[in-house]
N, C-alpha and C. Protein backbone atom coordinates (compact mmCIF):
# COMPACT_ATOMS: atom_id res chain seq x y z
N MET A 1 75.77 93.82 134.51
CA MET A 1 75.73 95.33 134.83
C MET A 1 75.49 95.55 136.24
N ALA A 2 76.60 96.36 137.17
CA ALA A 2 76.45 96.17 138.54
C ALA A 2 75.39 97.89 138.90
N TYR A 3 75.27 97.52 140.33
CA TYR A 3 74.89 98.77 140.89
C TYR A 3 75.80 99.54 141.51
N HIS A 4 75.83 100.69 141.25
CA HIS A 4 76.49 101.60 142.17
C HIS A 4 75.83 102.38 143.01
N ILE A 5 76.54 103.06 143.93
CA ILE A 5 76.00 104.28 145.07
C ILE A 5 77.56 104.76 145.05
N ALA A 6 76.87 105.99 145.77
CA ALA A 6 78.25 106.92 146.08
C ALA A 6 77.17 107.92 146.76
N VAL A 7 78.13 108.44 148.02
CA VAL A 7 77.13 108.96 149.20
C VAL A 7 78.58 109.99 149.61
N GLN A 8 77.48 111.14 150.67
CA GLN A 8 78.55 111.87 150.90
C GLN A 8 78.30 112.24 152.79
N PHE A 9 79.77 111.87 153.30
CA PHE A 9 79.16 112.00 154.72
C PHE A 9 79.61 113.37 154.96
N ASP A 10 79.58 113.99 155.96
CA ASP A 10 79.63 115.29 156.36
C ASP A 10 80.35 115.11 157.87
N VAL A 11 81.51 115.04 158.49
CA VAL A 11 81.72 114.19 159.40
C VAL A 11 82.08 115.25 160.52
N PRO A 12 81.60 115.07 161.90
CA PRO A 12 82.04 116.34 163.03
C PRO A 12 83.61 116.26 163.47
N ALA A 13 84.38 116.90 163.21
CA ALA A 13 85.76 116.96 163.11
C ALA A 13 85.78 116.21 164.75
N GLU A 14 85.72 116.34 165.69
CA GLU A 14 85.89 114.93 166.85
C GLU A 14 85.39 113.78 166.77
N HIS A 15 84.85 113.23 165.55
CA HIS A 15 84.36 112.55 165.02
C HIS A 15 84.98 111.90 163.95
N ARG A 16 86.27 112.67 163.09
CA ARG A 16 86.72 112.33 161.88
C ARG A 16 87.46 111.02 162.07
N GLU A 17 88.56 110.70 163.06
CA GLU A 17 89.58 109.33 163.13
C GLU A 17 88.53 108.11 163.09
N LYS A 18 87.11 108.44 163.79
CA LYS A 18 86.38 107.45 164.69
C LYS A 18 85.77 107.00 162.93
N PHE A 19 85.10 107.81 162.19
CA PHE A 19 84.44 107.84 160.91
C PHE A 19 85.69 106.63 159.92
N ILE A 20 87.17 107.40 160.02
CA ILE A 20 87.48 106.63 158.71
C ILE A 20 87.82 105.38 159.40
N ALA A 21 88.15 104.90 160.62
CA ALA A 21 87.94 103.55 160.87
C ALA A 21 86.73 102.89 160.81
N ALA A 22 85.80 103.04 160.79
CA ALA A 22 84.35 102.17 160.90
C ALA A 22 84.52 102.60 159.55
N ALA A 23 84.47 103.03 158.73
CA ALA A 23 84.21 103.08 156.94
C ALA A 23 85.48 102.04 156.60
N LEU A 24 86.54 102.39 156.39
CA LEU A 24 87.13 101.36 156.27
C LEU A 24 87.37 99.85 156.78
N GLU A 25 86.78 99.77 158.07
CA GLU A 25 86.69 98.42 158.58
C GLU A 25 85.18 97.83 157.86
N ASP A 26 84.47 98.74 157.55
CA ASP A 26 82.84 98.47 156.95
C ASP A 26 82.87 97.80 155.56
N GLY A 27 83.83 98.71 154.40
CA GLY A 27 84.89 98.21 153.21
C GLY A 27 84.81 96.77 153.26
N ARG A 28 86.50 96.55 154.03
CA ARG A 28 87.10 95.43 154.10
C ARG A 28 86.58 94.10 154.20
N ASN A 29 85.55 94.44 155.55
CA ASN A 29 84.67 93.42 155.84
C ASN A 29 83.64 92.75 154.87
N SER A 30 83.10 94.21 154.07
CA SER A 30 81.96 93.94 153.43
C SER A 30 82.46 93.09 152.20
N ASN A 31 83.54 94.05 151.83
CA ASN A 31 84.24 93.15 150.26
C ASN A 31 84.84 91.59 150.78
N ALA A 32 85.10 91.13 151.72
CA ALA A 32 86.06 89.71 152.45
C ALA A 32 84.52 88.50 152.52
N ASP A 33 83.30 89.38 153.29
CA ASP A 33 82.25 88.29 153.58
C ASP A 33 80.94 88.43 152.63
N GLU A 34 80.98 89.53 152.20
CA GLU A 34 79.40 89.66 150.98
C GLU A 34 80.00 89.41 149.49
N PRO A 35 79.37 87.89 149.23
CA PRO A 35 80.11 87.99 147.78
C PRO A 35 79.52 89.18 146.74
N GLY A 36 78.09 89.60 146.68
CA GLY A 36 78.04 90.81 145.72
C GLY A 36 78.77 92.13 145.59
N THR A 37 79.11 92.35 146.99
CA THR A 37 80.03 93.87 146.68
C THR A 37 81.30 93.45 146.02
N LEU A 38 81.24 94.39 145.04
CA LEU A 38 82.56 94.53 144.13
C LEU A 38 83.43 95.31 144.43
N ALA A 39 83.24 96.86 145.08
CA ALA A 39 83.77 97.55 145.41
C ALA A 39 83.49 98.21 145.86
N PHE A 40 84.49 98.74 147.25
CA PHE A 40 83.34 99.76 148.44
C PHE A 40 85.18 100.59 149.15
N ASN A 41 84.91 101.79 148.65
CA ASN A 41 85.92 103.14 148.44
C ASN A 41 85.75 103.86 149.56
N LEU A 42 86.46 104.38 150.41
CA LEU A 42 86.32 106.13 150.98
C LEU A 42 87.12 106.79 150.60
N ILE A 43 86.54 107.81 149.90
CA ILE A 43 87.45 108.84 149.47
C ILE A 43 87.49 110.03 150.46
N GLU A 44 87.74 110.91 150.24
CA GLU A 44 88.10 111.69 151.12
C GLU A 44 88.32 113.23 150.68
N ASP A 45 87.72 114.46 150.60
CA ASP A 45 87.59 115.57 149.91
C ASP A 45 88.80 116.49 149.92
N PRO A 46 89.57 116.61 149.24
CA PRO A 46 90.38 117.48 148.89
C PRO A 46 90.49 119.10 149.19
N GLU A 47 89.27 119.67 149.61
CA GLU A 47 88.79 120.57 149.49
C GLU A 47 88.04 120.97 151.16
N GLU A 48 87.35 120.15 150.98
CA GLU A 48 86.83 119.84 152.71
C GLU A 48 87.27 119.10 153.66
N ALA A 49 88.15 119.29 154.72
CA ALA A 49 88.94 118.27 155.74
C ALA A 49 87.77 117.14 156.30
N ASN A 50 86.67 117.27 156.57
CA ASN A 50 85.63 116.38 157.10
C ASN A 50 84.67 115.87 155.98
N ARG A 51 84.74 116.23 155.21
CA ARG A 51 84.01 115.33 154.22
C ARG A 51 84.94 114.44 153.16
N PHE A 52 83.74 113.22 153.19
CA PHE A 52 84.28 111.67 152.85
C PHE A 52 83.15 111.30 151.77
N TYR A 53 83.58 110.63 150.85
CA TYR A 53 82.55 109.73 150.15
C TYR A 53 82.79 108.07 150.11
N LEU A 54 81.70 107.20 149.75
CA LEU A 54 81.88 106.41 149.97
C LEU A 54 80.93 105.89 148.46
N VAL A 55 81.99 105.34 147.61
CA VAL A 55 81.34 104.76 146.55
C VAL A 55 81.79 103.26 146.59
N GLU A 56 80.92 102.60 146.30
CA GLU A 56 79.96 101.28 145.91
C GLU A 56 79.90 100.77 145.05
N ALA A 57 80.59 99.20 144.64
CA ALA A 57 79.60 98.95 143.58
C ALA A 57 78.99 96.98 144.33
N TYR A 58 77.74 96.96 143.54
CA TYR A 58 77.28 95.75 143.66
C TYR A 58 76.76 94.75 142.51
N GLU A 59 76.80 93.48 142.62
CA GLU A 59 76.53 92.98 141.38
C GLU A 59 75.19 93.82 140.66
N ASP A 60 74.21 93.56 141.65
CA ASP A 60 72.62 94.21 141.56
C ASP A 60 72.34 94.74 142.60
N GLU A 61 71.21 95.07 142.61
CA GLU A 61 70.45 95.92 143.54
C GLU A 61 69.94 95.01 144.58
N ALA A 62 69.92 94.34 144.76
CA ALA A 62 69.72 92.79 145.52
C ALA A 62 70.84 92.51 146.18
N ALA A 63 72.22 92.55 146.28
CA ALA A 63 73.22 92.49 146.91
C ALA A 63 73.57 93.89 147.42
N PHE A 64 73.25 94.77 147.25
CA PHE A 64 73.31 96.26 147.92
C PHE A 64 72.39 96.44 149.10
N GLN A 65 71.24 95.54 148.34
CA GLN A 65 70.25 95.84 149.95
C GLN A 65 70.49 94.72 150.93
N ALA A 66 71.24 93.93 150.72
CA ALA A 66 71.87 92.49 151.63
C ALA A 66 72.67 92.81 151.89
N HIS A 67 73.40 93.98 151.54
CA HIS A 67 74.73 94.79 152.20
C HIS A 67 74.16 95.88 153.07
N CYS A 68 73.19 96.53 152.97
CA CYS A 68 72.20 97.29 153.78
C CYS A 68 71.22 96.17 155.13
N GLU A 69 71.16 95.08 154.89
CA GLU A 69 70.51 94.13 156.21
C GLU A 69 71.72 93.54 156.97
N GLY A 70 73.15 93.73 155.88
CA GLY A 70 73.88 93.05 157.32
C GLY A 70 74.61 93.78 157.97
N PRO A 71 75.34 92.58 158.66
CA PRO A 71 76.55 92.97 159.95
C PRO A 71 77.27 94.04 159.94
N HIS A 72 77.96 94.30 159.21
CA HIS A 72 78.91 94.92 158.67
C HIS A 72 78.33 96.64 158.74
N PHE A 73 76.80 97.01 157.23
CA PHE A 73 76.36 97.99 157.83
C PHE A 73 75.91 98.44 159.09
N LYS A 74 75.39 97.56 159.73
CA LYS A 74 74.99 98.09 160.85
C LYS A 74 75.38 98.87 162.03
N THR A 75 76.91 97.44 162.55
CA THR A 75 78.16 98.08 162.74
C THR A 75 78.59 99.48 162.11
N PHE A 76 78.60 100.29 161.45
CA PHE A 76 79.12 101.19 161.14
C PHE A 76 78.27 102.19 161.26
N PHE A 77 77.33 101.95 161.05
CA PHE A 77 76.29 102.94 161.84
C PHE A 77 76.12 103.28 163.27
N ASP A 78 76.46 101.90 164.30
CA ASP A 78 76.49 101.75 165.76
C ASP A 78 77.46 103.19 166.19
N VAL A 79 79.00 102.72 165.68
CA VAL A 79 80.22 103.21 165.47
C VAL A 79 79.84 104.76 165.46
N LEU A 80 78.82 105.17 164.24
CA LEU A 80 78.95 106.64 163.82
C LEU A 80 77.68 107.52 165.13
N GLY A 81 76.90 106.48 166.02
CA GLY A 81 76.46 106.80 166.72
C GLY A 81 75.48 108.30 166.63
N THR A 82 74.78 108.45 167.46
CA THR A 82 73.47 109.26 166.81
C THR A 82 74.05 110.75 166.11
N TRP A 83 75.38 111.04 165.99
CA TRP A 83 75.30 112.32 164.32
C TRP A 83 75.37 111.54 163.58
N GLY A 84 75.33 110.03 163.10
CA GLY A 84 75.25 109.43 162.14
C GLY A 84 74.29 108.83 161.46
N GLN A 85 73.44 108.98 162.84
CA GLN A 85 72.11 108.35 162.09
C GLN A 85 70.80 109.07 161.04
N GLU A 86 71.08 110.45 160.54
CA GLU A 86 70.50 111.09 159.76
C GLU A 86 70.77 110.29 158.46
N GLY A 87 71.82 109.80 158.39
CA GLY A 87 72.56 109.11 157.01
C GLY A 87 73.35 110.14 156.05
N PRO A 88 73.96 109.70 155.48
CA PRO A 88 74.53 110.03 154.13
C PRO A 88 73.63 110.80 153.34
N LYS A 89 74.25 111.82 152.78
CA LYS A 89 73.84 112.48 151.10
C LYS A 89 74.13 111.66 149.97
N TRP A 90 72.45 111.27 149.55
CA TRP A 90 73.13 110.12 148.34
C TRP A 90 73.77 111.33 146.94
N LEU A 91 74.42 110.74 146.24
CA LEU A 91 75.02 111.28 145.06
C LEU A 91 74.54 110.85 143.87
N VAL A 92 74.82 109.02 143.81
CA VAL A 92 74.36 108.22 142.74
C VAL A 92 73.84 106.83 143.63
N LYS A 93 72.96 106.36 142.82
CA LYS A 93 71.94 105.26 142.90
C LYS A 93 71.79 104.73 141.89
N GLY A 94 71.86 103.56 141.40
CA GLY A 94 71.53 103.04 140.04
C GLY A 94 72.56 102.35 139.68
N THR A 95 72.19 101.39 138.31
CA THR A 95 72.64 100.70 137.46
C THR A 95 73.40 101.07 136.07
N GLN A 96 74.72 100.60 136.49
CA GLN A 96 75.39 100.94 135.35
C GLN A 96 75.09 100.57 134.26
N LEU A 97 74.62 101.93 132.97
CA LEU A 97 74.44 101.10 131.41
C LEU A 97 75.73 100.89 130.97
N THR A 98 75.75 99.73 129.93
CA THR A 98 76.39 99.47 129.42
C THR A 98 75.97 98.87 127.60
N ASP A 99 76.62 98.79 126.47
CA ASP A 99 76.55 98.56 125.33
C ASP A 99 77.32 97.04 125.35
């Protein structure tokens, strides 16, 4: 049963391209270097030009915590700078249920 998260970022227009590049790099590196990362997707809101969603899946909550403590997560927030330090708005956080 995978652990999923979905978060929303409202990005200042002047940081839009920097945010996209940092999020894509975080996802690419997390998929390559973190064995517990199952999916890492950046979604652009179709109605709000500077609203983005990160939709991620991990083997379990421990794998997500390892991601949060890893270098790619830190680099992502370092790139965002002070405007990104308040963090995202949590939309989903939990373990997928299956039968």
